Amino acid sequence: MIQKIFAIVLMAMVLVSCHNPGNNNSAKTDSTAVQNSKPANTLPDIAGYYRLPETGCDIALTITKEKNGFKYFFKGEHLDLEGVALLSTEADGFYVTFDGPIGNTPPKTVSGLFKDNTLTIQNEGNSQNNYHYFTDCDEKYLEFKKQ
């Protein structure tokens, strides 16, 4: 008799737990992820022509939209570079990553923050992380403004 009661209680617990919507964590997580993700049409249009403000540094940046993504072109007095530009979304904003040659350095990957039609790239490092991408420019941060 005790075995029958135990079996009935066990089956009731299994049935209740299978029909409890609170245990469906994967569906809850997926719907939250969809609500918090940004649709593709909210990505900024980074294609365009960018210039530095009048700082004595003559570098222009052009980003063009290709069928497979974006390409970049840096032009300056001592500069003529091109490569692939990748757009990504981070918690603090949108980033453009330049994959290819940057400044007076061998090919490497450099990122810049894109906000309010301005692309900000850290041009110089510090004593522990020493680098200088665009040696014609003395500013630590270069702010390319979309024209």
Protein backbone atom coordinates (compact mmCIF):
# COMPACT_ATOMS: atom_id res chain seq x y z
CA MET A 1 0.00 0.00 0.00
CA ILE A 2 2.80 2.41 0.88
CA GLN A 3 4.47 1.62 -2.45
CA LYS A 4 1.28 2.57 -4.37
CA ILE A 5 0.98 5.87 -2.49
CA PHE A 6 4.65 6.61 -3.11
CA ALA A 7 4.26 5.86 -6.83
CA ILE A 8 1.16 8.11 -7.09
CA VAL A 9 2.91 10.97 -5.28
CA LEU A 10 5.99 10.58 -7.48
CA MET A 11 3.92 10.61 -10.70
CA ALA A 12 1.97 13.66 -9.49
CA MET A 13 5.24 15.52 -8.81
CA VAL A 14 6.57 14.66 -12.27
CA LEU A 15 3.34 15.79 -13.95
CA VAL A 16 3.23 19.05 -11.99
CA SER A 17 6.87 19.85 -12.74
CA CYS A 18 6.40 19.16 -16.47
CA HIS A 19 3.47 21.57 -16.73
CA ASN A 20 4.99 24.33 -14.58
CA PRO A 21 5.86 27.25 -16.90
CA GLY A 22 8.37 28.56 -14.36
CA ASN A 23 10.77 25.72 -15.22
CA ASN A 24 11.05 26.71 -18.87
CA ASN A 25 14.17 28.84 -18.43
CA SER A 26 15.42 28.49 -22.00
CA ALA A 27 12.28 30.00 -23.51
CA LYS A 28 12.37 32.84 -21.00
CA THR A 29 16.02 33.60 -21.76
CA ASP A 30 15.48 33.49 -25.53
CA SER A 31 12.58 35.96 -25.44
CA THR A 32 14.60 38.32 -23.23
CA ALA A 33 17.55 38.14 -25.62
CA VAL A 34 15.31 38.98 -28.57
CA GLN A 35 13.79 41.94 -26.73
CA ASN A 36 17.20 43.33 -25.73
CA SER A 37 18.91 42.84 -29.08
CA LYS A 38 18.93 45.70 -31.56
CA PRO A 39 17.45 45.12 -35.01
CA ALA A 40 19.88 45.40 -37.91
CA ASN A 41 18.22 48.59 -39.15
CA THR A 42 19.36 50.48 -36.03
CA LEU A 43 23.04 50.19 -36.96
CA PRO A 44 24.53 53.55 -37.94
CA ASP A 45 25.50 54.35 -41.50
CA ILE A 46 29.28 54.63 -41.25
CA ALA A 47 29.85 55.04 -44.98
CA GLY A 48 31.09 58.50 -45.87
CA TYR A 49 33.96 60.96 -45.94
CA TYR A 50 35.67 61.92 -42.65
CA ARG A 51 38.11 64.72 -41.84
CA LEU A 52 40.07 65.73 -38.78
CA PRO A 53 39.41 69.21 -37.40
CA GLU A 54 42.01 71.87 -38.18
CA THR A 55 44.88 70.45 -36.12
CA GLY A 56 47.64 70.55 -38.69
CA CYS A 57 47.20 66.84 -39.34
CA ASP A 58 46.13 66.26 -42.93
CA ILE A 59 44.47 62.84 -42.98
CA ALA A 60 41.17 61.99 -44.63
CA LEU A 61 39.20 58.79 -44.13
CA THR A 62 36.68 57.41 -46.60
CA ILE A 63 34.49 54.42 -45.74
CA THR A 64 32.53 52.82 -48.58
CA LYS A 65 29.82 50.20 -48.43
CA GLU A 66 30.59 47.10 -50.46
CA LYS A 67 28.28 44.14 -51.04
CA ASN A 68 30.12 42.12 -48.36
CA GLY A 69 30.66 44.93 -45.81
CA PHE A 70 32.76 48.10 -45.68
CA LYS A 71 36.16 49.20 -47.00
CA TYR A 72 38.29 52.03 -45.64
CA PHE A 73 40.75 54.39 -47.32
CA PHE A 74 43.13 56.62 -45.33
CA LYS A 75 44.72 59.37 -47.44
CA GLY A 76 47.29 61.89 -46.26
CA GLU A 77 50.55 63.59 -47.14
CA HIS A 78 52.55 60.46 -46.25
CA LEU A 79 49.68 57.99 -46.24
CA ASP A 80 47.71 55.93 -48.76
CA LEU A 81 46.10 52.91 -47.08
CA GLU A 82 43.06 50.69 -47.58
CA GLY A 83 41.51 47.66 -45.94
CA VAL A 84 38.32 46.21 -44.48
CA ALA A 85 36.22 48.12 -41.94
CA LEU A 86 34.03 46.08 -39.60
CA LEU A 87 31.13 47.52 -37.57
CA SER A 88 30.33 45.99 -34.18
CA THR A 89 28.02 46.76 -31.29
CA GLU A 90 29.36 46.89 -27.74
CA ALA A 91 27.70 47.88 -24.47
CA ASP A 92 29.06 51.43 -24.67
CA GLY A 93 28.36 52.03 -28.37
CA PHE A 94 29.36 51.15 -31.91
CA TYR A 95 32.94 50.38 -32.90
CA VAL A 96 34.59 50.41 -36.30
CA THR A 97 37.52 48.03 -36.59
CA PHE A 98 40.08 48.66 -39.33
CA ASP A 99 41.57 45.35 -40.42
CA GLY A 100 44.71 46.01 -42.44
CA PRO A 101 47.46 48.60 -42.50
CA ILE A 102 46.96 51.58 -40.19
CA GLY A 103 49.16 54.65 -40.10
CA ASN A 104 52.87 54.06 -40.35
CA THR A 105 52.70 50.54 -38.91
CA PRO A 106 52.53 47.08 -40.46
CA PRO A 107 49.06 45.56 -40.87
CA LYS A 108 47.21 45.22 -37.59
CA THR A 109 43.72 45.67 -36.25
CA VAL A 110 42.72 49.03 -34.74
CA SER A 111 39.27 50.05 -33.46
CA GLY A 112 37.59 53.37 -32.99
CA LEU A 113 34.38 54.44 -31.26
CA PHE A 114 31.65 55.72 -33.60
CA LYS A 115 29.28 58.20 -31.96
CA ASP A 116 27.38 61.23 -33.30
CA ASN A 117 28.96 60.90 -36.78
CA THR A 118 32.43 61.07 -35.21
CA LEU A 119 34.96 58.26 -35.24
CA THR A 120 37.49 58.49 -32.38
CA ILE A 121 40.73 56.49 -32.63
CA GLN A 122 43.39 56.40 -29.92
CA ASN A 123 46.50 57.42 -31.85
CA GLU A 124 49.16 57.03 -29.14
CA GLY A 125 49.75 54.64 -26.29
CA ASN A 126 51.61 55.20 -23.04
CA SER A 127 54.92 54.11 -21.55
CA GLN A 128 53.63 50.60 -20.79
CA ASN A 129 51.88 50.14 -24.14
CA ASN A 130 53.92 52.26 -26.54
CA TYR A 131 52.54 52.83 -30.05
CA HIS A 132 51.88 55.73 -32.42
CA TYR A 133 49.73 54.95 -35.46
CA PHE A 134 49.70 58.26 -37.35
CA THR A 135 53.10 59.85 -36.71
CA ASP A 136 52.13 62.97 -38.67
CA CYS A 137 49.59 63.67 -35.92
CA ASP A 138 50.67 64.51 -32.37
CA GLU A 139 47.24 64.17 -30.73
CA LYS A 140 46.57 61.20 -28.45
CA TYR A 141 43.02 60.86 -29.83
CA LEU A 142 42.02 61.56 -33.42
CA GLU A 143 38.40 62.55 -33.97
CA PHE A 144 37.38 62.03 -37.59
CA LYS A 145 34.17 64.00 -38.25
CA LYS A 146 31.80 62.80 -40.96
CA GLN A 147 31.33 65.50 -43.61
